[in-house]
Amino acid sequence: MEENANRKYANILLHIQFQFEYLLSVNIICLIMKTLNVIQYFENIGPLVKIVSKMSVDFINFLILYLILVMMFAIVGNLNFIFDLKEQFGGLFESCLTVLDASIGNYDFQLFKEIDDGFLSIFGDLYIMCIVITFNILILNLIIAILSNTYNMFDTKSRGLYLSKLLNSRDDMAPDDHYGAFLLTMTPLNFVVLPFVPYALFVKPSKRFNTIIMILQYSVLIIIIYGIFLICSILLSPFAYIRSLGIKFGRISRASTFGETLKALLEFLVFFVFGVVLLVMNYVSDFYYFWANNFRSNLKKIIIER
């Protein structure tokens, strides 16, 4: 019973780990796609991204031709070497893997020396030669020529492609009072929006609801930022206390009159006793002003004019 319980517990942990890794992979893919979408609007990188997207169409066409040739050579190898080289050509999938290995230069002529039939041994060498010549010489140079031709074709038009991307995205990037918080979220903050997506799919969110979702995402971000700020402040507090004591002690030595000396000495003693309390109280004021200014709508109130 205990062994079954441990096995069940281990299976649950493995399932949770798999789900976590799956969600993490999806978030990473979404982040990469979002990053690629954002860098298209940079003046120097945007034209290059557009050219690469144009070249991807040619690459897909080349990939189809490549797979057809792989399948053709795999069928030929499977029909001729299925009994003599079962590990390499025992099935269609194994044959495809063998051809793929040979197409990228990972081939071995000694493999066919193990075949007793002399004709098949010679045919195997010719078979590998055909794969190497077809893929490493003809097909490889073909894709280079195709991509080079596409690049030269669109290189002179790169500026126009970049500007067309900006014009086409003008309407997409316009702020939306109802769906803006759902569409403009960045990974990993989009997990905050996930529970509200089904509602937004069937019911048009109100402007107030959209604002609440935006504030919710923003709050998660500033909580992380404030947490880092608070940890750094706590770690630096002893140094701030010692530094402040040194400054106040220096005022005592620089005082020119008895009154200034007495005042500086009093400030030093007060801070020596209550300095830690004052620094802790400073955290409270920082907390208030940090959150108050983050959600302040009328920014003119905090502008300091000369």
C-alpha atoms as a PDB file:
ATOM      1  CA  MET A   1       0.000   0.000   0.000  1.00  0.00           C
ATOM      2  CA  GLU A   2       2.769   2.401   0.893  1.00  0.00           C
ATOM      3  CA  GLU A   3       4.614   1.605  -2.337  1.00  0.00           C
ATOM      4  CA  ASN A   4       1.454   2.257  -4.378  1.00  0.00           C
ATOM      5  CA  ALA A   5       0.896   5.547  -2.560  1.00  0.00           C
ATOM      6  CA  ASN A   6       4.486   6.636  -3.264  1.00  0.00           C
ATOM      7  CA  ARG A   7       4.124   5.672  -6.910  1.00  0.00           C
ATOM      8  CA  LYS A   8       0.863   7.623  -7.162  1.00  0.00           C
ATOM      9  CA  TYR A   9       2.468  10.632  -5.482  1.00  0.00           C
ATOM     10  CA  ALA A  10       5.428  10.439  -7.874  1.00  0.00           C
ATOM     11  CA  ASN A  11       3.071  10.280 -10.872  1.00  0.00           C
ATOM     12  CA  ILE A  12       1.236  13.361  -9.624  1.00  0.00           C
ATOM     13  CA  LEU A  13       4.522  15.238  -9.251  1.00  0.00           C
ATOM     14  CA  LEU A  14       5.595  14.195 -12.751  1.00  0.00           C
ATOM     15  CA  HIS A  15       2.244  15.345 -14.138  1.00  0.00           C
ATOM     16  CA  ILE A  16       2.581  18.722 -12.394  1.00  0.00           C
ATOM     17  CA  GLN A  17       6.155  19.057 -13.656  1.00  0.00           C
ATOM     18  CA  PHE A  18       5.034  18.243 -17.207  1.00  0.00           C
ATOM     19  CA  GLN A  19       2.238  20.816 -17.060  1.00  0.00           C
ATOM     20  CA  PHE A  20       4.628  23.448 -15.685  1.00  0.00           C
ATOM     21  CA  GLU A  21       7.222  22.764 -18.388  1.00  0.00           C
ATOM     22  CA  TYR A  22       4.493  22.866 -21.035  1.00  0.00           C
ATOM     23  CA  LEU A  23       3.200  26.243 -19.831  1.00  0.00           C
ATOM     24  CA  LEU A  24       6.756  27.552 -19.555  1.00  0.00           C
ATOM     25  CA  SER A  25       7.509  26.450 -23.127  1.00  0.00           C
ATOM     26  CA  VAL A  26       4.333  28.087 -24.416  1.00  0.00           C
ATOM     27  CA  ASN A  27       5.209  31.316 -22.595  1.00  0.00           C
ATOM     28  CA  ILE A  28       8.727  31.296 -24.029  1.00  0.00           C
ATOM     29  CA  ILE A  29       7.394  30.757 -27.556  1.00  0.00           C
ATOM     30  CA  CYS A  30       4.864  33.565 -27.088  1.00  0.00           C
ATOM     31  CA  LEU A  31       7.593  35.845 -25.741  1.00  0.00           C
ATOM     32  CA  ILE A  32       9.826  35.138 -28.745  1.00  0.00           C
ATOM     33  CA  MET A  33       6.964  35.775 -31.177  1.00  0.00           C
ATOM     34  CA  LYS A  34       6.041  38.957 -29.329  1.00  0.00           C
ATOM     35  CA  THR A  35       9.674  40.093 -29.424  1.00  0.00           C
ATOM     36  CA  LEU A  36       9.889  39.417 -33.155  1.00  0.00           C
ATOM     37  CA  ASN A  37       6.713  41.402 -33.653  1.00  0.00           C
ATOM     38  CA  VAL A  38       8.057  44.340 -31.642  1.00  0.00           C
ATOM     39  CA  ILE A  39      11.495  44.536 -33.288  1.00  0.00           C
ATOM     40  CA  GLN A  40       9.826  44.945 -36.698  1.00  0.00           C
ATOM     41  CA  TYR A  41       9.175  48.559 -35.732  1.00  0.00           C
ATOM     42  CA  PHE A  42      12.871  49.380 -35.260  1.00  0.00           C
ATOM     43  CA  GLU A  43      14.240  51.279 -38.216  1.00  0.00           C
ATOM     44  CA  ASN A  44      17.451  49.232 -38.557  1.00  0.00           C
ATOM     45  CA  ILE A  45      16.127  45.749 -37.756  1.00  0.00           C
ATOM     46  CA  GLY A  46      12.597  46.087 -39.170  1.00  0.00           C
ATOM     47  CA  PRO A  47      13.560  45.882 -42.890  1.00  0.00           C
ATOM     48  CA  LEU A  48      15.733  42.817 -42.211  1.00  0.00           C
ATOM     49  CA  VAL A  49      12.848  41.066 -40.430  1.00  0.00           C
ATOM     50  CA  LYS A  50      10.554  41.779 -43.389  1.00  0.00           C
ATOM     51  CA  ILE A  51      13.118  40.366 -45.837  1.00  0.00           C
ATOM     52  CA  VAL A  52      13.534  37.229 -43.707  1.00  0.00           C
ATOM     53  CA  SER A  53       9.743  36.775 -43.648  1.00  0.00           C
ATOM     54  CA  LYS A  54       9.729  36.970 -47.473  1.00  0.00           C
ATOM     55  CA  MET A  55      12.559  34.436 -47.623  1.00  0.00           C
ATOM     56  CA  SER A  56      10.652  32.061 -45.332  1.00  0.00           C
ATOM     57  CA  VAL A  57       8.153  31.401 -48.154  1.00  0.00           C
ATOM     58  CA  ASP A  58      10.990  30.229 -50.421  1.00  0.00           C
ATOM     59  CA  PHE A  59      12.422  28.156 -47.587  1.00  0.00           C
ATOM     60  CA  ILE A  60       9.091  26.359 -47.109  1.00  0.00           C
ATOM     61  CA  ASN A  61       8.991  25.529 -50.833  1.00  0.00           C
ATOM     62  CA  PHE A  62      12.555  24.239 -50.598  1.00  0.00           C
ATOM     63  CA  LEU A  63      11.653  22.185 -47.527  1.00  0.00           C
ATOM     64  CA  ILE A  64       8.828  20.480 -49.427  1.00  0.00           C
ATOM     65  CA  LEU A  65      11.265  19.537 -52.222  1.00  0.00           C
ATOM     66  CA  TYR A  66      13.800  18.375 -49.622  1.00  0.00           C
ATOM     67  CA  LEU A  67      11.269  16.101 -47.902  1.00  0.00           C
ATOM     68  CA  ILE A  68      10.162  14.632 -51.227  1.00  0.00           C
ATOM     69  CA  LEU A  69      13.751  13.708 -52.076  1.00  0.00           C
ATOM     70  CA  VAL A  70      14.342  12.292 -48.597  1.00  0.00           C
ATOM     71  CA  MET A  71      11.249  10.129 -48.931  1.00  0.00           C
ATOM     72  CA  MET A  72      12.311   8.969 -52.393  1.00  0.00           C
ATOM     73  CA  PHE A  73      15.807   7.921 -51.264  1.00  0.00           C
ATOM     74  CA  ALA A  74      14.357   6.355 -48.103  1.00  0.00           C
ATOM     75  CA  ILE A  75      11.977   4.160 -50.119  1.00  0.00           C
ATOM     76  CA  VAL A  76      14.823   3.044 -52.424  1.00  0.00           C
ATOM     77  CA  GLY A  77      17.032   2.213 -49.436  1.00  0.00           C
ATOM     78  CA  ASN A  78      14.233   0.417 -47.615  1.00  0.00           C
ATOM     79  CA  LEU A  79      13.427  -1.773 -50.635  1.00  0.00           C
ATOM     80  CA  ASN A  80      17.035  -2.797 -51.267  1.00  0.00           C
ATOM     81  CA  PHE A  81      18.609  -3.048 -47.790  1.00  0.00           C
ATOM     82  CA  ILE A  82      15.682  -4.069 -45.559  1.00  0.00           C
ATOM     83  CA  PHE A  83      17.070  -7.569 -44.958  1.00  0.00           C
ATOM     84  CA  ASP A  84      20.812  -6.825 -44.824  1.00  0.00           C
ATOM     85  CA  LEU A  85      20.809  -3.554 -42.825  1.00  0.00           C
ATOM     86  CA  LYS A  86      17.763  -3.803 -40.580  1.00  0.00           C
ATOM     87  CA  GLU A  87      19.037  -1.242 -38.101  1.00  0.00           C
ATOM     88  CA  GLN A  88      19.437   1.458 -40.767  1.00  0.00           C
ATOM     89  CA  PHE A  89      16.745   0.462 -43.280  1.00  0.00           C
ATOM     90  CA  GLY A  90      14.450  -1.860 -41.312  1.00  0.00           C
ATOM     91  CA  GLY A  91      11.458   0.477 -41.714  1.00  0.00           C
ATOM     92  CA  LEU A  92      10.467   3.600 -43.572  1.00  0.00           C
ATOM     93  CA  PHE A  93      11.087   5.806 -40.530  1.00  0.00           C
ATOM     94  CA  GLU A  94      14.559   4.331 -39.956  1.00  0.00           C
ATOM     95  CA  SER A  95      15.351   4.760 -43.648  1.00  0.00           C
ATOM     96  CA  CYS A  96      14.321   8.428 -43.516  1.00  0.00           C
ATOM     97  CA  LEU A  97      16.609   9.004 -40.511  1.00  0.00           C
ATOM     98  CA  THR A  98      19.505   7.313 -42.329  1.00  0.00           C
ATOM     99  CA  VAL A  99      18.974   9.444 -45.433  1.00  0.00           C
ATOM    100  CA  LEU A 100      18.721  12.603 -43.309  1.00  0.00           C
ATOM    101  CA  ASP A 101      22.015  11.725 -41.610  1.00  0.00           C
ATOM    102  CA  ALA A 102      23.692  11.151 -44.967  1.00  0.00           C
ATOM    103  CA  SER A 103      22.233  14.379 -46.378  1.00  0.00           C
ATOM    104  CA  ILE A 104      23.996  16.448 -43.719  1.00  0.00           C
ATOM    105  CA  GLY A 105      27.300  14.643 -44.202  1.00  0.00           C
ATOM    106  CA  ASN A 106      27.001  11.910 -41.563  1.00  0.00           C
ATOM    107  CA  TYR A 107      27.538   8.855 -43.779  1.00  0.00           C
ATOM    108  CA  ASP A 108      29.768   5.770 -43.716  1.00  0.00           C
ATOM    109  CA  PHE A 109      30.806   3.755 -46.798  1.00  0.00           C
ATOM    110  CA  GLN A 110      31.987   0.901 -44.558  1.00  0.00           C
ATOM    111  CA  LEU A 111      28.356   0.217 -43.699  1.00  0.00           C
ATOM    112  CA  PHE A 112      27.747  -1.559 -47.011  1.00  0.00           C
ATOM    113  CA  LYS A 113      30.905  -3.681 -46.782  1.00  0.00           C
ATOM    114  CA  GLU A 114      29.026  -5.937 -44.342  1.00  0.00           C
ATOM    115  CA  ILE A 115      26.604  -7.039 -47.096  1.00  0.00           C
ATOM    116  CA  ASP A 116      27.478 -10.439 -48.565  1.00  0.00           C
ATOM    117  CA  ASP A 117      25.962  -9.640 -51.947  1.00  0.00           C
ATOM    118  CA  GLY A 118      28.650  -7.895 -53.986  1.00  0.00           C
ATOM    119  CA  PHE A 119      26.161  -6.136 -56.251  1.00  0.00           C
ATOM    120  CA  LEU A 120      24.251  -4.661 -53.281  1.00  0.00           C
ATOM    121  CA  SER A 121      27.529  -3.579 -51.703  1.00  0.00           C
ATOM    122  CA  ILE A 122      28.492  -1.638 -54.841  1.00  0.00           C
ATOM    123  CA  PHE A 123      24.950  -0.329 -55.184  1.00  0.00           C
ATOM    124  CA  GLY A 124      25.090   0.892 -51.574  1.00  0.00           C
ATOM    125  CA  ASP A 125      28.216   2.938 -52.296  1.00  0.00           C
ATOM    126  CA  LEU A 126      26.572   4.435 -55.368  1.00  0.00           C
ATOM    127  CA  TYR A 127      23.418   5.050 -53.333  1.00  0.00           C
ATOM    128  CA  ILE A 128      25.320   7.060 -50.715  1.00  0.00           C
ATOM    129  CA  MET A 129      27.181   8.966 -53.442  1.00  0.00           C
ATOM    130  CA  CYS A 130      23.876   9.960 -55.035  1.00  0.00           C
ATOM    131  CA  ILE A 131      22.560  11.187 -51.671  1.00  0.00           C
ATOM    132  CA  VAL A 132      25.686  13.225 -50.968  1.00  0.00           C
ATOM    133  CA  ILE A 133      25.785  14.750 -54.459  1.00  0.00           C
ATOM    134  CA  THR A 134      22.053  15.461 -54.518  1.00  0.00           C
ATOM    135  CA  PHE A 135      21.767  17.045 -51.095  1.00  0.00           C
ATOM    136  CA  ASN A 136      25.199  18.462 -50.243  1.00  0.00           C
ATOM    137  CA  ILE A 137      25.971  19.854 -53.693  1.00  0.00           C
ATOM    138  CA  LEU A 138      22.791  20.400 -55.699  1.00  0.00           C
ATOM    139  CA  ILE A 139      20.118  21.056 -53.058  1.00  0.00           C
ATOM    140  CA  LEU A 140      22.360  23.047 -50.717  1.00  0.00           C
ATOM    141  CA  ASN A 141      23.471  25.352 -53.519  1.00  0.00           C
ATOM    142  CA  LEU A 142      19.888  25.595 -54.728  1.00  0.00           C
ATOM    143  CA  ILE A 143      18.600  26.959 -51.420  1.00  0.00           C
ATOM    144  CA  ILE A 144      21.529  29.388 -51.225  1.00  0.00           C
ATOM    145  CA  ALA A 145      20.760  30.637 -54.735  1.00  0.00           C
ATOM    146  CA  ILE A 146      17.031  30.957 -54.013  1.00  0.00           C
ATOM    147  CA  LEU A 147      17.532  32.855 -50.749  1.00  0.00           C
ATOM    148  CA  SER A 148      20.214  35.076 -52.299  1.00  0.00           C
ATOM    149  CA  ASN A 149      17.913  35.924 -55.195  1.00  0.00           C
ATOM    150  CA  THR A 150      15.066  36.776 -52.818  1.00  0.00           C
ATOM    151  CA  TYR A 151      17.345  38.901 -50.654  1.00  0.00           C
ATOM    152  CA  ASN A 152      18.694  40.837 -53.657  1.00  0.00           C
ATOM    153  CA  MET A 153      15.158  41.330 -54.914  1.00  0.00           C
ATOM    154  CA  PHE A 154      13.839  42.854 -51.690  1.00  0.00           C
ATOM    155  CA  ASP A 155      17.022  44.531 -50.455  1.00  0.00           C
ATOM    156  CA  THR A 156      16.373  47.647 -52.538  1.00  0.00           C
ATOM    157  CA  LYS A 157      12.755  47.648 -51.346  1.00  0.00           C
ATOM    158  CA  SER A 158      13.531  47.136 -47.667  1.00  0.00           C
ATOM    159  CA  ARG A 159      12.677  50.716 -46.732  1.00  0.00           C
ATOM    160  CA  GLY A 160       9.317  50.427 -48.454  1.00  0.00           C
ATOM    161  CA  LEU A 161       8.620  47.101 -46.715  1.00  0.00           C
ATOM    162  CA  TYR A 162       9.397  48.693 -43.366  1.00  0.00           C
ATOM    163  CA  LEU A 163       7.083  51.639 -43.998  1.00  0.00           C
ATOM    164  CA  SER A 164       4.321  49.363 -45.289  1.00  0.00           C
ATOM    165  CA  LYS A 165       4.553  47.407 -42.030  1.00  0.00           C
ATOM    166  CA  LEU A 166       4.077  50.624 -40.089  1.00  0.00           C
ATOM    167  CA  LEU A 167       1.094  51.651 -42.200  1.00  0.00           C
ATOM    168  CA  ASN A 168      -0.567  48.229 -41.974  1.00  0.00           C
ATOM    169  CA  SER A 169      -0.066  48.131 -38.221  1.00  0.00           C
ATOM    170  CA  ARG A 170      -1.423  51.616 -37.616  1.00  0.00           C
ATOM    171  CA  ASP A 171      -4.970  50.390 -37.030  1.00  0.00           C
ATOM    172  CA  ASP A 172      -3.825  47.325 -35.079  1.00  0.00           C
ATOM    173  CA  MET A 173      -1.696  49.371 -32.682  1.00  0.00           C
ATOM    174  CA  ALA A 174      -4.412  51.974 -32.041  1.00  0.00           C
ATOM    175  CA  PRO A 175      -5.589  51.939 -28.393  1.00  0.00           C
ATOM    176  CA  ASP A 176      -8.801  50.045 -27.766  1.00  0.00           C
ATOM    177  CA  ASP A 177     -10.947  51.064 -24.810  1.00  0.00           C
ATOM    178  CA  HIS A 178     -12.548  47.626 -24.553  1.00  0.00           C
ATOM    179  CA  TYR A 179      -9.825  45.074 -25.444  1.00  0.00           C
ATOM    180  CA  GLY A 180      -6.570  47.003 -24.963  1.00  0.00           C
ATOM    181  CA  ALA A 181      -5.622  45.251 -21.707  1.00  0.00           C
ATOM    182  CA  PHE A 182      -6.181  41.837 -23.345  1.00  0.00           C
ATOM    183  CA  LEU A 183      -4.233  42.493 -26.549  1.00  0.00           C
ATOM    184  CA  LEU A 184      -1.212  44.473 -25.359  1.00  0.00           C
ATOM    185  CA  THR A 185      -0.175  42.260 -22.445  1.00  0.00           C
ATOM    186  CA  MET A 186       3.383  40.908 -22.384  1.00  0.00           C
ATOM    187  CA  THR A 187       4.611  37.480 -21.301  1.00  0.00           C
ATOM    188  CA  PRO A 188       4.641  36.417 -18.460  1.00  0.00           C
ATOM    189  CA  LEU A 189       2.092  39.017 -17.268  1.00  0.00           C
ATOM    190  CA  ASN A 190      -0.483  37.516 -19.612  1.00  0.00           C
ATOM    191  CA  PHE A 191      -1.231  34.802 -17.033  1.00  0.00           C
ATOM    192  CA  VAL A 192      -3.140  37.490 -15.112  1.00  0.00           C
ATOM    193  CA  VAL A 193      -5.457  37.997 -18.103  1.00  0.00           C
ATOM    194  CA  LEU A 194      -6.006  34.277 -18.773  1.00  0.00           C
ATOM    195  CA  PRO A 195      -8.988  33.763 -16.378  1.00  0.00           C
ATOM    196  CA  PHE A 196     -10.845  36.690 -17.999  1.00  0.00           C
ATOM    197  CA  VAL A 197     -10.313  35.626 -21.628  1.00  0.00           C
ATOM    198  CA  PRO A 198     -13.452  33.404 -21.863  1.00  0.00           C
ATOM    199  CA  TYR A 199     -15.580  36.313 -20.659  1.00  0.00           C
ATOM    200  CA  ALA A 200     -14.019  38.669 -23.227  1.00  0.00           C
ATOM    201  CA  LEU A 201     -14.632  36.159 -26.030  1.00  0.00           C
ATOM    202  CA  PHE A 202     -18.399  36.096 -25.564  1.00  0.00           C
ATOM    203  CA  VAL A 203     -19.146  39.467 -23.944  1.00  0.00           C
ATOM    204  CA  LYS A 204     -17.696  42.795 -25.005  1.00  0.00           C
ATOM    205  CA  PRO A 205     -15.796  44.135 -21.967  1.00  0.00           C
ATOM    206  CA  SER A 206     -16.748  47.551 -20.703  1.00  0.00           C
ATOM    207  CA  LYS A 207     -14.224  50.366 -20.521  1.00  0.00           C
ATOM    208  CA  ARG A 208     -14.176  50.110 -16.740  1.00  0.00           C
ATOM    209  CA  PHE A 209     -13.544  46.357 -16.856  1.00  0.00           C
ATOM    210  CA  ASN A 210     -10.716  46.888 -19.368  1.00  0.00           C
ATOM    211  CA  THR A 211      -9.176  49.490 -17.052  1.00  0.00           C
ATOM    212  CA  ILE A 212      -9.396  47.105 -14.083  1.00  0.00           C
ATOM    213  CA  ILE A 213      -7.584  44.367 -16.045  1.00  0.00           C
ATOM    214  CA  MET A 214      -4.875  46.847 -17.023  1.00  0.00           C
ATOM    215  CA  ILE A 215      -4.420  47.956 -13.406  1.00  0.00           C
ATOM    216  CA  LEU A 216      -4.292  44.310 -12.301  1.00  0.00           C
ATOM    217  CA  GLN A 217      -1.429  43.562 -14.711  1.00  0.00           C
ATOM    218  CA  TYR A 218       0.340  46.777 -13.815  1.00  0.00           C
ATOM    219  CA  SER A 219       0.006  45.967 -10.106  1.00  0.00           C
ATOM    220  CA  VAL A 220       1.763  42.621 -10.566  1.00  0.00           C
ATOM    221  CA  LEU A 221       4.652  44.380 -12.306  1.00  0.00           C
ATOM    222  CA  ILE A 222       5.070  47.115  -9.719  1.00  0.00           C
ATOM    223  CA  ILE A 223       4.800  44.604  -6.859  1.00  0.00           C
ATOM    224  CA  ILE A 224       7.857  42.854  -8.318  1.00  0.00           C
ATOM    225  CA  ILE A 225       9.666  46.183  -8.736  1.00  0.00           C
ATOM    226  CA  TYR A 226       8.749  47.334  -5.227  1.00  0.00           C
ATOM    227  CA  GLY A 227       9.836  43.980  -3.773  1.00  0.00           C
ATOM    228  CA  ILE A 228      13.284  44.390  -5.357  1.00  0.00           C
ATOM    229  CA  PHE A 229      13.441  47.998  -4.119  1.00  0.00           C
ATOM    230  CA  LEU A 230      12.445  47.000  -0.573  1.00  0.00           C
ATOM    231  CA  ILE A 231      14.977  44.157  -0.372  1.00  0.00           C
ATOM    232  CA  CYS A 232      17.779  46.415  -1.614  1.00  0.00           C
ATOM    233  CA  SER A 233      16.750  49.133   0.871  1.00  0.00           C
ATOM    234  CA  ILE A 234      16.819  46.707   3.807  1.00  0.00           C
ATOM    235  CA  LEU A 235      20.227  45.368   2.785  1.00  0.00           C
ATOM    236  CA  LEU A 236      21.639  48.896   2.467  1.00  0.00           C
ATOM    237  CA  SER A 237      20.097  50.225   5.715  1.00  0.00           C
ATOM    238  CA  PRO A 238      23.111  49.408   7.945  1.00  0.00           C
ATOM    239  CA  PHE A 239      25.404  51.237   5.505  1.00  0.00           C
ATOM    240  CA  ALA A 240      22.997  54.205   5.399  1.00  0.00           C
ATOM    241  CA  TYR A 241      22.936  54.312   9.226  1.00  0.00           C
ATOM    242  CA  ILE A 242      26.735  54.260   9.497  1.00  0.00           C
ATOM    243  CA  ARG A 243      27.099  56.797   6.693  1.00  0.00           C
ATOM    244  CA  SER A 244      24.622  59.163   8.330  1.00  0.00           C
ATOM    245  CA  LEU A 245      26.437  58.899  11.672  1.00  0.00           C
ATOM    246  CA  GLY A 246      29.696  59.773   9.912  1.00  0.00           C
ATOM    247  CA  ILE A 247      28.141  62.844   8.250  1.00  0.00           C
ATOM    248  CA  LYS A 248      26.648  64.098  11.527  1.00  0.00           C
ATOM    249  CA  PHE A 249      29.915  63.489  13.380  1.00  0.00           C
ATOM    250  CA  GLY A 250      31.733  65.493  10.712  1.00  0.00           C
ATOM    251  CA  ARG A 251      29.412  68.445  11.359  1.00  0.00           C
ATOM    252  CA  ILE A 252      30.619  68.477  14.979  1.00  0.00           C
ATOM    253  CA  SER A 253      34.246  68.846  13.953  1.00  0.00           C
ATOM    254  CA  ARG A 254      33.434  71.525  11.392  1.00  0.00           C
ATOM    255  CA  ALA A 255      31.339  73.666  13.765  1.00  0.00           C
ATOM    256  CA  SER A 256      32.887  77.112  14.375  1.00  0.00           C
ATOM    257  CA  THR A 257      30.819  78.260  17.392  1.00  0.00           C
ATOM    258  CA  PHE A 258      29.739  76.654  20.622  1.00  0.00           C
ATOM    259  CA  GLY A 259      26.088  76.815  19.583  1.00  0.00           C
ATOM    260  CA  GLU A 260      26.697  75.063  16.296  1.00  0.00           C
ATOM    261  CA  THR A 261      28.778  72.445  18.069  1.00  0.00           C
ATOM    262  CA  LEU A 262      26.037  71.825  20.628  1.00  0.00           C
ATOM    263  CA  LYS A 263      23.376  71.571  17.909  1.00  0.00           C
ATOM    264  CA  ALA A 264      25.463  69.163  15.815  1.00  0.00           C
ATOM    265  CA  LEU A 265      26.238  67.035  18.903  1.00  0.00           C
ATOM    266  CA  LEU A 266      22.539  66.882  19.779  1.00  0.00           C
ATOM    267  CA  GLU A 267      21.653  65.786  16.230  1.00  0.00           C
ATOM    268  CA  PHE A 268      24.345  63.099  16.380  1.00  0.00           C
ATOM    269  CA  LEU A 269      23.081  61.689  19.703  1.00  0.00           C
ATOM    270  CA  VAL A 270      19.420  61.738  18.600  1.00  0.00           C
ATOM    271  CA  PHE A 271      20.201  59.940  15.348  1.00  0.00           C
ATOM    272  CA  PHE A 272      22.503  57.498  17.182  1.00  0.00           C
ATOM    273  CA  VAL A 273      19.578  56.467  19.419  1.00  0.00           C
ATOM    274  CA  PHE A 274      16.602  56.799  17.064  1.00  0.00           C
ATOM    275  CA  GLY A 275      18.309  56.399  13.677  1.00  0.00           C
ATOM    276  CA  VAL A 276      17.120  52.833  13.089  1.00  0.00           C
ATOM    277  CA  VAL A 277      13.533  53.825  13.947  1.00  0.00           C
ATOM    278  CA  LEU A 278      13.712  56.787  11.551  1.00  0.00           C
ATOM    279  CA  LEU A 279      14.975  54.584   8.725  1.00  0.00           C
ATOM    280  CA  VAL A 280      12.137  52.109   9.305  1.00  0.00           C
ATOM    281  CA  MET A 281       9.624  54.970   9.305  1.00  0.00           C
ATOM    282  CA  ASN A 282      11.170  56.075   6.016  1.00  0.00           C
ATOM    283  CA  TYR A 283      10.110  52.725   4.515  1.00  0.00           C
ATOM    284  CA  VAL A 284       6.500  53.558   5.396  1.00  0.00           C
ATOM    285  CA  SER A 285       6.688  56.938   3.661  1.00  0.00           C
ATOM    286  CA  ASP A 286       8.388  55.356   0.635  1.00  0.00           C
ATOM    287  CA  PHE A 287       5.616  52.756   0.481  1.00  0.00           C
ATOM    288  CA  TYR A 288       2.927  55.451   0.524  1.00  0.00           C
ATOM    289  CA  TYR A 289       4.469  57.733  -2.102  1.00  0.00           C
ATOM    290  CA  PHE A 290       5.484  54.810  -4.335  1.00  0.00           C
ATOM    291  CA  TRP A 291       1.951  53.442  -4.598  1.00  0.00           C
ATOM    292  CA  ALA A 292       0.243  56.841  -4.563  1.00  0.00           C
ATOM    293  CA  ASN A 293       2.293  58.153  -7.478  1.00  0.00           C
ATOM    294  CA  ASN A 294       1.953  54.919  -9.464  1.00  0.00           C
ATOM    295  CA  PHE A 295      -1.819  55.346  -9.625  1.00  0.00           C
ATOM    296  CA  ARG A 296      -1.877  59.148  -9.811  1.00  0.00           C
ATOM    297  CA  SER A 297      -3.801  60.370 -12.856  1.00  0.00           C
ATOM    298  CA  ASN A 298      -3.116  64.114 -12.598  1.00  0.00           C
ATOM    299  CA  LEU A 299       0.656  64.195 -13.033  1.00  0.00           C
ATOM    300  CA  LYS A 300       0.820  67.994 -12.949  1.00  0.00           C
ATOM    301  CA  LYS A 301       0.519  67.839  -9.159  1.00  0.00           C
ATOM    302  CA  ILE A 302       3.964  66.263  -8.807  1.00  0.00           C
ATOM    303  CA  ILE A 303       5.802  68.467 -11.327  1.00  0.00           C
ATOM    304  CA  ILE A 304       8.332  70.693  -9.546  1.00  0.00           C
ATOM    305  CA  GLU A 305       8.772  73.980 -11.389  1.00  0.00           C
ATOM    306  CA  ARG A 306      11.847  76.162 -10.975  1.00  0.00           C
END
